[in-house]
Structure formats: C-alpha cells, structure tokens
Amino acid sequence: EGAGPIWLDGLRCAGSEEHLAQCPARPWGEHTCNHVEDAGAICSGERPGELRLAAGPHLCAGRVEVLHEGQWGTVCDDGWDMNDAQVVCRQVGCGPALAAPGHASFGRGSGQIWLDDLTCVGSERHLAQCPAPGWGQNNCNHGEDAGVVCAGMDRCAQVRLADGPGRCAG
C-alpha cells in the first residue's frame, strides 16, 4: 500500500504504449480511489538495449549506459553526434537532445564498453537499432564515454516500481 498523492486513475492501456503517459486515463491527479487500490506490476526482467543516464546533474543528462547480457556498460564517443543523442533522449523519455558531449564529460564509467562507432540517423526508436560494429567491439577507453543532455520534457510522468522483491516488481 502506497502513500502520498495518487496521480493516475482509470488507466486504459492497449498494451502497445511505451509509457503510461500515452494511455487514456482520468486527468492527472484526479481520482476516485485510495491506496488500498494501488496497482502493481511484475515485469519479465531485462529489456535488451535498456538505457540509463548516469552521473548527470538531473534525470535527463548524463553518461549513456546500456544493458546487454545482464551487464551495464558504456558507449564510446567515436562518431558520437546529435543524431545518436536524439535516439538516446527519445528512448529514455527525455524529449529532444540538446547536446551530445563526449570525452567522459559526466565522468568515466566502468566495466564493458558495449557500443562504438554508432551511426544513428536520428529517427530510430532504440539505440540498439543504430548501425554499429557489434556489442563489445571497440577501440576505446572510459575517457571516451559518451553522454547526452536532453530537454527533459517527458520525464514528468516517470514511473517506478516500489516495495517489490526486485527491480522488476512492485
């Protein structure tokens, strides 16, 4: 049972939406329920090519990290440009890209460098759809980790799962 404001009620998702904010519902913050009716979810786990932005000043800026084979790793800045950043910002729900900083502008990551020499057109929905040599194939070090700064417009509807047994349930 949750606490605090109830933001969504009467949610009617079809299942094809990428974000809850795309589902028809009552107006934001209007509800006829209480926390006894809080909804939960159990997800299947890793989404291939899942992204996160690390070590940034806010949720919509940071070092680009990608999940592959159960391990988080970074993206090299070789060829990194605004087209690549646009795809990342779209994928993480942060509106349009404002900048595509390289040279570990948000600090050096650790572990695997998963992607290098990306050549996104900018219209791809996921970074994993962009041409690249292959997972883990790179000639980089973490001083070349790529980052993004996004406008941050879509993150107001960010959802997290709370009080579950793991990160994919709550």
Protein backbone atom coordinates (compact mmCIF):
# COMPACT_ATOMS: atom_id res chain seq x y z
CA GLU A 1 0.00 0.00 0.00
CA GLY A 2 1.45 3.33 -1.07
CA ALA A 3 1.33 6.78 0.49
CA GLY A 4 1.20 10.31 -0.86
CA PRO A 5 -0.59 11.66 -3.92
CA ILE A 6 -2.44 9.36 -6.30
CA TRP A 7 -1.58 10.54 -9.80
CA LEU A 8 -3.34 8.09 -12.12
CA ASP A 9 -6.80 6.54 -12.07
CA GLY A 10 -8.93 4.89 -14.74
CA LEU A 11 -5.91 3.87 -16.79
CA ARG A 12 -6.92 2.17 -20.06
CA CYS A 13 -3.77 0.99 -21.83
CA ALA A 14 -3.93 -1.08 -25.01
CA GLY A 15 -0.51 -2.65 -24.39
CA SER A 16 1.35 -1.06 -27.30
CA GLU A 17 2.23 2.16 -25.45
CA GLU A 18 5.85 2.80 -24.49
CA HIS A 19 4.96 4.99 -21.49
CA LEU A 20 1.98 5.14 -19.11
CA ALA A 21 1.55 8.80 -20.08
CA GLN A 22 0.39 7.56 -23.51
CA CYS A 23 -2.54 5.60 -22.02
CA PRO A 24 -6.00 7.17 -21.76
CA ALA A 25 -6.85 7.98 -18.13
CA ARG A 26 -8.58 10.50 -15.89
CA PRO A 27 -6.83 13.89 -15.76
CA TRP A 28 -3.52 13.84 -13.90
CA GLY A 29 -4.14 13.87 -10.14
CA GLU A 30 -7.93 13.34 -10.34
CA HIS A 31 -9.04 10.06 -8.81
CA THR A 32 -11.87 8.25 -7.04
CA CYS A 33 -9.75 5.67 -5.24
CA ASN A 34 -7.46 5.23 -2.24
CA HIS A 35 -4.17 3.45 -1.65
CA VAL A 36 -5.89 0.12 -0.94
CA GLU A 37 -6.42 0.03 -4.73
CA ASP A 38 -2.78 0.75 -5.69
CA ALA A 39 -1.73 -1.12 -8.82
CA GLY A 40 1.40 -3.23 -9.16
CA ALA A 41 3.33 -4.97 -11.90
CA ILE A 42 5.75 -7.84 -12.34
CA CYS A 43 7.94 -7.42 -15.41
CA SER A 44 9.87 -10.05 -17.31
CA GLY A 45 13.24 -8.51 -16.43
CA GLU A 46 15.91 -7.13 -18.71
CA ARG A 47 14.85 -5.29 -21.82
CA PRO A 48 17.56 -5.74 -24.45
CA GLY A 49 19.37 -2.47 -25.04
CA GLU A 50 17.83 -0.78 -21.99
CA LEU A 51 19.49 2.59 -21.33
CA ARG A 52 20.18 4.76 -18.33
CA LEU A 53 21.86 8.12 -17.90
CA ALA A 54 24.45 8.10 -15.12
CA ALA A 55 26.27 10.76 -13.12
CA GLY A 56 24.40 13.69 -14.65
CA PRO A 57 23.05 16.80 -12.92
CA HIS A 58 19.44 15.65 -13.45
CA LEU A 59 17.45 12.66 -14.76
CA CYS A 60 17.76 13.74 -18.39
CA ALA A 61 21.51 14.26 -18.66
CA GLY A 62 24.46 12.01 -18.05
CA ARG A 63 26.78 9.31 -19.28
CA VAL A 64 24.99 6.88 -21.61
CA GLU A 65 24.95 3.36 -20.22
CA VAL A 66 23.38 0.36 -21.92
CA LEU A 67 22.33 -3.01 -20.52
CA HIS A 68 23.49 -6.03 -22.51
CA GLU A 69 23.70 -9.65 -21.37
CA GLY A 70 22.80 -8.58 -17.84
CA GLN A 71 25.70 -6.10 -17.54
CA TRP A 72 25.67 -2.32 -17.68
CA GLY A 73 28.33 -0.78 -19.87
CA THR A 74 29.09 2.47 -21.63
CA VAL A 75 29.04 3.82 -25.18
CA CYS A 76 32.20 5.17 -26.81
CA ASP A 77 32.17 8.70 -28.22
CA ASP A 78 33.84 7.78 -31.55
CA GLY A 79 31.48 9.28 -34.14
CA TRP A 80 29.05 10.29 -31.37
CA ASP A 81 26.81 13.12 -32.54
CA MET A 82 23.40 14.75 -32.13
CA ASN A 83 21.68 12.01 -34.16
CA ASP A 84 22.87 9.42 -31.64
CA ALA A 85 21.90 11.67 -28.73
CA GLN A 86 18.44 12.20 -30.24
CA VAL A 87 17.82 8.44 -30.19
CA VAL A 88 19.01 8.14 -26.59
CA CYS A 89 16.83 11.02 -25.40
CA ARG A 90 13.81 9.55 -27.18
CA GLN A 91 14.43 6.09 -25.74
CA VAL A 92 14.72 7.30 -22.14
CA GLY A 93 11.67 9.58 -22.48
CA CYS A 94 13.52 12.85 -22.03
CA GLY A 95 12.37 14.91 -25.01
CA PRO A 96 14.74 16.21 -27.69
CA ALA A 97 18.53 16.17 -27.40
CA LEU A 98 20.24 19.45 -26.56
CA ALA A 99 23.86 18.26 -26.59
CA ALA A 100 25.98 15.17 -27.27
CA PRO A 101 29.07 15.60 -25.07
CA GLY A 102 31.91 13.10 -25.31
CA HIS A 103 35.27 12.70 -23.60
CA ALA A 104 33.66 11.35 -20.41
CA SER A 105 32.02 14.71 -19.69
CA PHE A 106 29.94 13.02 -16.98
CA GLY A 107 32.84 11.03 -15.57
CA ARG A 108 34.41 7.76 -16.59
CA GLY A 109 32.21 4.70 -16.47
CA SER A 110 33.43 1.24 -15.57
CA GLY A 111 33.10 -2.26 -16.91
CA GLN A 112 32.38 -3.11 -20.51
CA ILE A 113 32.27 -0.56 -23.33
CA TRP A 114 29.37 -2.06 -25.23
CA LEU A 115 28.99 0.18 -28.29
CA ASP A 116 31.32 2.19 -30.51
CA ASP A 117 31.16 3.97 -33.86
CA LEU A 118 27.37 4.32 -33.78
CA THR A 119 25.84 5.84 -36.90
CA CYS A 120 22.26 6.62 -35.97
CA VAL A 121 20.13 8.52 -38.46
CA GLY A 122 18.21 10.06 -35.54
CA SER A 123 14.79 8.55 -36.21
CA GLU A 124 15.46 5.16 -34.59
CA ARG A 125 13.33 4.32 -31.55
CA HIS A 126 16.13 2.47 -29.72
CA LEU A 127 19.91 2.83 -29.71
CA ALA A 128 20.27 -0.90 -30.45
CA GLN A 129 18.69 -0.22 -33.88
CA CYS A 130 21.57 2.05 -34.91
CA PRO A 131 24.35 0.58 -37.07
CA ALA A 132 27.48 -0.27 -35.07
CA PRO A 133 30.34 -2.79 -35.36
CA GLY A 134 28.82 -5.09 -32.73
CA TRP A 135 28.35 -5.46 -28.99
CA GLY A 136 31.66 -5.13 -27.16
CA GLN A 137 33.68 -4.35 -30.30
CA ASN A 138 35.53 -1.10 -29.69
CA ASN A 139 38.91 0.61 -29.64
CA CYS A 140 38.08 2.89 -26.71
CA ASN A 141 38.74 3.53 -23.06
CA HIS A 142 36.43 5.07 -20.47
CA GLY A 143 37.93 8.50 -21.11
CA GLU A 144 35.84 8.39 -24.30
CA ASP A 145 32.46 7.63 -22.70
CA ALA A 146 29.56 9.33 -24.48
CA GLY A 147 26.93 11.47 -22.79
CA VAL A 148 23.73 13.34 -23.55
CA VAL A 149 21.85 16.38 -22.36
CA CYS A 150 18.15 16.15 -23.14
CA ALA A 151 15.42 18.77 -22.79
CA GLY A 152 13.70 16.66 -20.14
CA MET A 153 10.13 17.30 -21.25
CA ASP A 154 8.66 13.79 -20.95
CA ARG A 155 10.11 12.66 -17.61
CA CYS A 156 7.35 14.27 -15.51
CA ALA A 157 5.39 11.05 -15.94
CA GLN A 158 8.22 8.76 -14.88
CA VAL A 159 7.04 5.63 -13.11
CA ARG A 160 8.97 3.41 -10.74
CA LEU A 161 8.08 0.13 -9.09
CA ALA A 162 8.28 0.33 -5.29
CA ASP A 163 8.41 -2.17 -2.43
CA GLY A 164 8.71 -5.23 -4.66
CA PRO A 165 11.12 -8.14 -4.27
CA GLY A 166 13.36 -6.81 -7.09
CA ARG A 167 13.74 -4.02 -9.64
CA CYS A 168 11.17 -5.62 -11.94
CA ALA A 169 8.29 -5.95 -9.47
CA GLY A 170 6.41 -3.62 -7.19
